PDB file of N, CA and C in Angstrom:
ATOM      1  N   UNK A   1      16.548  17.436   0.801  1.00  0.00           N
ATOM      2  CA  UNK A   1      17.375  16.564   1.643  1.00  0.00           C
ATOM      3  C   UNK A   1      17.117  15.096   1.316  1.00  0.00           C
ATOM      4  N   UNK A   2      17.947  14.216   1.817  1.00  0.00           N
ATOM      5  CA  UNK A   2      17.807  12.782   1.532  1.00  0.00           C
ATOM      6  C   UNK A   2      16.475  12.240   2.047  1.00  0.00           C
ATOM      7  N   UNK A   3      16.113  12.604   3.271  1.00  0.00           N
ATOM      8  CA  UNK A   3      14.870  12.071   3.847  1.00  0.00           C
ATOM      9  C   UNK A   3      13.656  12.552   3.061  1.00  0.00           C
ATOM     10  N   UNK A   4      13.705  13.803   2.568  1.00  0.00           N
ATOM     11  CA  UNK A   4      12.594  14.323   1.760  1.00  0.00           C
ATOM     12  C   UNK A   4      12.442  13.501   0.486  1.00  0.00           C
ATOM     13  N   UNK A   5      13.578  13.181  -0.132  1.00  0.00           N
ATOM     14  CA  UNK A   5      13.557  12.415  -1.376  1.00  0.00           C
ATOM     15  C   UNK A   5      13.004  11.017  -1.131  1.00  0.00           C
ATOM     16  N   UNK A   6      13.422  10.410  -0.012  1.00  0.00           N
ATOM     17  CA  UNK A   6      12.956   9.075   0.311  1.00  0.00           C
ATOM     18  C   UNK A   6      11.457   9.101   0.603  1.00  0.00           C
ATOM     19  N   UNK A   7      11.013  10.125   1.316  1.00  0.00           N
ATOM     20  CA  UNK A   7       9.601  10.244   1.640  1.00  0.00           C
ATOM     21  C   UNK A   7       8.769  10.403   0.368  1.00  0.00           C
ATOM     22  N   UNK A   8       9.273  11.190  -0.570  1.00  0.00           N
ATOM     23  CA  UNK A   8       8.566  11.393  -1.839  1.00  0.00           C
ATOM     24  C   UNK A   8       8.470  10.068  -2.597  1.00  0.00           C
ATOM     25  N   UNK A   9       9.534   9.280  -2.534  1.00  0.00           N
ATOM     26  CA  UNK A   9       9.542   7.974  -3.217  1.00  0.00           C
ATOM     27  C   UNK A   9       8.524   7.040  -2.580  1.00  0.00           C
ATOM     28  N   UNK A  10       8.512   7.009  -1.247  1.00  0.00           N
ATOM     29  CA  UNK A  10       7.555   6.159  -0.522  1.00  0.00           C
ATOM     30  C   UNK A  10       6.128   6.612  -0.823  1.00  0.00           C
ATOM     31  N   UNK A  11       5.929   7.919  -0.878  1.00  0.00           N
ATOM     32  CA  UNK A  11       4.595   8.457  -1.113  1.00  0.00           C
ATOM     33  C   UNK A  11       4.088   8.084  -2.504  1.00  0.00           C
ATOM     34  N   UNK A  12       4.942   8.210  -3.514  1.00  0.00           N
ATOM     35  CA  UNK A  12       4.503   7.871  -4.876  1.00  0.00           C
ATOM     36  C   UNK A  12       4.235   6.376  -5.008  1.00  0.00           C
ATOM     37  N   UNK A  13       5.018   5.562  -4.293  1.00  0.00           N
ATOM     38  CA  UNK A  13       4.778   4.115  -4.316  1.00  0.00           C
ATOM     39  C   UNK A  13       3.450   3.812  -3.640  1.00  0.00           C
ATOM     40  N   UNK A  14       3.181   4.484  -2.537  1.00  0.00           N
ATOM     41  CA  UNK A  14       1.925   4.294  -1.811  1.00  0.00           C
ATOM     42  C   UNK A  14       0.738   4.710  -2.658  1.00  0.00           C
ATOM     43  N   UNK A  15       0.892   5.814  -3.400  1.00  0.00           N
ATOM     44  CA  UNK A  15      -0.188   6.290  -4.263  1.00  0.00           C
ATOM     45  C   UNK A  15      -0.476   5.279  -5.365  1.00  0.00           C
ATOM     46  N   UNK A  16       0.575   4.677  -5.898  1.00  0.00           N
ATOM     47  CA  UNK A  16       0.412   3.662  -6.934  1.00  0.00           C
ATOM     48  C   UNK A  16      -0.384   2.479  -6.396  1.00  0.00           C
ATOM     49  N   UNK A  17      -0.001   2.012  -5.219  1.00  0.00           N
ATOM     50  CA  UNK A  17      -0.681   0.873  -4.596  1.00  0.00           C
ATOM     51  C   UNK A  17      -2.120   1.238  -4.281  1.00  0.00           C
ATOM     52  N   UNK A  18      -2.315   2.439  -3.786  1.00  0.00           N
ATOM     53  CA  UNK A  18      -3.651   2.910  -3.420  1.00  0.00           C
ATOM     54  C   UNK A  18      -4.552   2.990  -4.654  1.00  0.00           C
ATOM     55  N   UNK A  19      -3.978   3.472  -5.750  1.00  0.00           N
ATOM     56  CA  UNK A  19      -4.744   3.588  -6.993  1.00  0.00           C
ATOM     57  C   UNK A  19      -5.120   2.216  -7.549  1.00  0.00           C
ATOM     58  N   UNK A  20      -4.182   1.275  -7.468  1.00  0.00           N
ATOM     59  CA  UNK A  20      -4.447  -0.062  -8.010  1.00  0.00           C
ATOM     60  C   UNK A  20      -5.500  -0.787  -7.180  1.00  0.00           C
ATOM     61  N   UNK A  21      -5.574  -0.452  -5.902  1.00  0.00           N
ATOM     62  CA  UNK A  21      -6.545  -1.097  -5.017  1.00  0.00           C
ATOM     63  C   UNK A  21      -7.968  -0.813  -5.507  1.00  0.00           C
ATOM     64  N   UNK A  22      -8.114   0.336  -6.154  1.00  0.00           N
ATOM     65  CA  UNK A  22      -9.431   0.690  -6.689  1.00  0.00           C
ATOM     66  C   UNK A  22      -9.427   0.523  -8.203  1.00  0.00           C
TER      67      UNK A  22
END
């Protein structure tokens, strides 16, 4: 669904930011 896709996008962006923080 659209919300699932958006959530996956937000999650991968968050993971990127989280990884760069370390």
